C-alpha cells in the first residue's frame, strides 16, 4: 500500500495517481479515471478533479493508495 501525505487540505485524484507512480502523466490518469478503472473508498470514481482528503483510499490496477494528513 502506497501512502501519500497531504501538504494541503486535499489532493486531486489525478494528482494522487501521478504522485504514487500509478500514472505516467495526467493524460494517463484521466483515461484510467474516465474508463472507470479507479475506485475511491470502494466506489468507482469518474472525476479526475475529485478532492481526496485524509482517510480516503484509492484503488487502481491492483494497487492501493492511502491518503494521510
Protein backbone atom coordinates (compact mmCIF):
# COMPACT_ATOMS: atom_id res chain seq x y z
CA UNK A 1 0.00 0.00 0.00
CA UNK A 2 1.31 3.41 -1.04
CA UNK A 3 0.82 6.34 1.33
CA UNK A 4 0.50 9.96 0.26
CA UNK A 5 0.95 12.65 2.90
CA UNK A 6 -1.10 15.77 2.29
CA UNK A 7 0.71 19.10 2.16
CA UNK A 8 -2.57 20.96 1.89
CA UNK A 9 -6.20 20.23 2.77
CA UNK A 10 -6.66 17.85 -0.19
CA UNK A 11 -5.08 16.38 -3.33
CA UNK A 12 -6.94 15.78 -6.57
CA UNK A 13 -7.41 12.21 -7.74
CA UNK A 14 -5.38 12.62 -10.94
CA UNK A 15 -2.51 14.18 -8.98
CA UNK A 16 -2.60 11.35 -6.44
CA UNK A 17 -2.28 8.71 -9.17
CA UNK A 18 0.75 10.52 -10.59
CA UNK A 19 2.32 11.10 -7.15
CA UNK A 20 2.01 7.39 -6.33
CA UNK A 21 3.60 6.44 -9.66
CA UNK A 22 0.47 4.66 -10.88
CA UNK A 23 0.03 7.01 -13.85
CA UNK A 24 2.85 8.26 -16.07
CA UNK A 25 1.07 11.52 -16.87
CA UNK A 26 -2.09 13.48 -16.28
CA UNK A 27 -3.43 12.15 -19.57
CA UNK A 28 -2.89 8.54 -18.42
CA UNK A 29 -4.63 9.31 -15.14
CA UNK A 30 -7.52 10.98 -16.97
CA UNK A 31 -8.09 7.98 -19.24
CA UNK A 32 -7.95 5.47 -16.38
CA UNK A 33 -10.47 7.51 -14.38
CA UNK A 34 -12.81 8.09 -17.34
CA UNK A 35 -12.76 4.35 -18.13
CA UNK A 36 -13.97 3.56 -14.59
CA UNK A 37 -10.79 1.80 -13.54
CA UNK A 38 -10.27 3.82 -10.34
CA UNK A 39 -12.13 3.42 -7.06
CA UNK A 40 -12.24 5.87 -4.16
CA UNK A 41 -13.41 4.42 -0.85
CA UNK A 42 -14.80 1.40 -2.70
CA UNK A 43 -16.85 3.41 -5.23
CA UNK A 44 -15.92 3.82 -8.91
CA UNK A 45 -14.90 7.44 -9.48
CA UNK A 46 -15.13 9.23 -12.84
CA UNK A 47 -13.98 12.74 -11.81
CA UNK A 48 -10.28 13.43 -12.24
CA UNK A 49 -10.65 16.51 -10.03
CA UNK A 50 -12.20 14.57 -7.12
CA UNK A 51 -10.74 16.03 -3.92
CA UNK A 52 -9.12 13.41 -1.74
CA UNK A 53 -8.74 14.12 1.94
CA UNK A 54 -7.06 12.34 4.86
CA UNK A 55 -8.55 8.88 5.33
CA UNK A 56 -9.52 8.33 1.70
CA UNK A 57 -8.39 5.12 0.00
CA UNK A 58 -7.80 4.86 -3.77
CA UNK A 59 -7.64 1.56 -5.67
CA UNK A 60 -6.23 1.24 -9.19
CA UNK A 61 -4.52 -1.56 -11.10
CA UNK A 62 -4.31 -3.83 -8.07
CA UNK A 63 -2.60 -1.11 -6.04
CA UNK A 64 -3.96 0.82 -3.06
CA UNK A 65 -3.16 4.40 -2.06
CA UNK A 66 -3.90 5.68 1.45
CA UNK A 67 -4.26 9.45 1.89
CA UNK A 68 -2.88 10.77 5.20
CA UNK A 69 -2.72 14.18 6.85
